[in-house]
Amino acid sequence: MAIEVNRPAVENARRLIRAGEVVRDDRDAWSEAAPTADEENSFIEEHGWTEFSHWHLGIDKEQNRETKGAYSFPFGDFRKVHRSGVISGESRAGQHDHTEIRDELRALLELIDAE
């Protein structure tokens, strides 16, 4: 498994944050705010895999890009960036030695907190 930074997702997150499309929730809120499997499926059906990928900072290019297994480190609910999702992802990325993804998430958190 070779998870890399998904650059289009980074740009999507930055654009949303700059536009004020952010939920400034606490770390523990992500378990409730994260999209459910049904919500993910509905989003994919309506918007496609490319748009789905833009909500995940990690991508495993060895996986089929039309499977959920190719994407990791979600940061929002398909409408807004959630501070809790960014914090959760940063923590997980650090635990699993995905330092580049961790650093991108940390930069997003700094951007959120600066706004």
Protein backbone atom coordinates (compact mmCIF):
# COMPACT_ATOMS: atom_id res chain seq x y z
CA MET A 1 0.00 0.00 0.00
CA ALA A 2 1.54 3.26 -1.17
CA ILE A 3 -0.64 6.10 0.09
CA GLU A 4 0.30 9.50 -1.32
CA VAL A 5 -0.98 13.02 -0.92
CA ASN A 6 -3.97 13.59 -3.17
CA ARG A 7 -3.08 17.06 -4.52
CA PRO A 8 -6.51 17.85 -6.02
CA ALA A 9 -8.03 17.16 -2.60
CA VAL A 10 -5.56 19.54 -0.94
CA GLU A 11 -6.56 22.25 -3.40
CA ASN A 12 -10.26 21.53 -2.85
CA ALA A 13 -9.83 21.79 0.92
CA ARG A 14 -7.89 25.05 0.68
CA ARG A 15 -10.47 26.56 -1.68
CA LEU A 16 -13.32 25.58 0.64
CA ILE A 17 -11.54 26.95 3.72
CA ARG A 18 -10.80 30.26 2.00
CA ALA A 19 -14.48 30.46 0.96
CA GLY A 20 -15.55 29.96 4.58
CA GLU A 21 -17.02 26.51 3.93
CA VAL A 22 -15.81 25.16 7.29
CA VAL A 23 -17.42 23.60 10.33
CA ARG A 24 -15.29 24.63 13.30
CA ASP A 25 -16.09 21.66 15.47
CA ASP A 26 -14.06 19.86 18.12
CA ARG A 27 -11.91 16.79 17.57
CA ASP A 28 -14.48 14.37 18.99
CA ALA A 29 -17.22 15.54 16.63
CA TRP A 30 -15.79 13.71 13.61
CA SER A 31 -17.30 10.36 14.55
CA GLU A 32 -20.74 11.95 14.18
CA ALA A 33 -19.89 14.30 11.28
CA ALA A 34 -18.10 11.83 9.00
CA PRO A 35 -20.21 10.68 6.06
CA THR A 36 -21.81 7.27 6.41
CA ALA A 37 -21.30 4.54 3.83
CA ASP A 38 -24.76 5.31 2.43
CA GLU A 39 -23.94 9.02 2.16
CA GLU A 40 -20.68 8.16 0.38
CA ASN A 41 -22.51 5.88 -2.04
CA SER A 42 -25.11 8.56 -2.79
CA PHE A 43 -22.38 11.15 -3.38
CA ILE A 44 -20.52 8.81 -5.74
CA GLU A 45 -23.71 8.05 -7.68
CA GLU A 46 -24.52 11.75 -8.05
CA HIS A 47 -21.04 13.24 -8.54
CA GLY A 48 -18.70 10.40 -9.56
CA TRP A 49 -15.41 9.04 -8.34
CA THR A 50 -13.29 12.07 -9.21
CA GLU A 51 -15.37 14.37 -7.02
CA PHE A 52 -15.38 11.72 -4.27
CA SER A 53 -11.58 11.62 -4.42
CA HIS A 54 -11.43 15.39 -3.87
CA TRP A 55 -12.68 14.85 -0.31
CA HIS A 56 -9.80 12.54 0.71
CA LEU A 57 -6.23 13.68 1.30
CA GLY A 58 -4.79 10.21 0.79
CA ILE A 59 -4.79 8.18 -2.40
CA ASP A 60 -3.40 4.70 -2.99
CA LYS A 61 -2.55 4.65 -6.68
CA GLU A 62 -2.07 0.88 -6.57
CA GLN A 63 -5.80 0.49 -5.87
CA ASN A 64 -8.62 0.72 -8.39
CA ARG A 65 -9.61 4.40 -8.39
CA GLU A 66 -13.24 3.44 -8.62
CA THR A 67 -13.26 1.82 -5.19
CA LYS A 68 -13.44 3.44 -1.78
CA GLY A 69 -10.31 1.52 -0.79
CA ALA A 70 -8.22 3.83 -2.96
CA TYR A 71 -9.01 6.85 -0.76
CA SER A 72 -8.18 7.72 2.83
CA PHE A 73 -8.04 10.67 5.19
CA PRO A 74 -11.44 12.26 4.56
CA PHE A 75 -11.80 15.82 5.82
CA GLY A 76 -15.38 16.84 5.19
CA ASP A 77 -19.00 15.95 4.64
CA PHE A 78 -19.10 16.64 0.86
CA ARG A 79 -20.30 20.18 1.56
CA LYS A 80 -17.89 21.65 4.08
CA VAL A 81 -14.48 20.95 5.58
CA HIS A 82 -14.78 19.80 9.19
CA ARG A 83 -12.08 20.91 11.59
CA SER A 84 -12.67 17.65 13.46
CA GLY A 85 -11.97 15.63 10.29
CA VAL A 86 -8.73 17.50 9.69
CA ILE A 87 -7.61 16.90 13.29
CA SER A 88 -8.60 13.24 13.16
CA GLY A 89 -6.75 12.73 9.89
CA GLU A 90 -3.65 14.50 11.12
CA SER A 91 -3.51 12.25 14.16
CA ARG A 92 -4.04 9.05 12.12
CA ALA A 93 -1.51 10.08 9.48
CA GLY A 94 1.09 10.70 12.18
CA GLN A 95 0.39 7.33 13.82
CA HIS A 96 0.91 5.52 10.52
CA ASP A 97 3.99 7.46 9.38
CA HIS A 98 2.27 9.26 6.51
CA THR A 99 4.28 12.37 7.27
CA GLU A 100 3.53 14.25 4.06
CA ILE A 101 -0.22 13.78 4.54
CA ARG A 102 0.12 14.70 8.22
CA ASP A 103 1.94 17.90 7.27
CA GLU A 104 -0.72 18.84 4.69
CA LEU A 105 -3.46 18.29 7.27
CA ARG A 106 -1.55 20.36 9.82
CA ALA A 107 -1.29 23.19 7.28
CA LEU A 108 -5.05 22.95 6.64
CA LEU A 109 -5.72 23.14 10.38
CA GLU A 110 -3.53 26.23 10.62
CA LEU A 111 -5.46 27.78 7.73
CA ILE A 112 -8.78 26.99 9.42
CA ASP A 113 -7.65 28.42 12.75
CA ALA A 114 -6.25 31.56 11.10
CA GLU A 115 -9.54 32.41 9.37
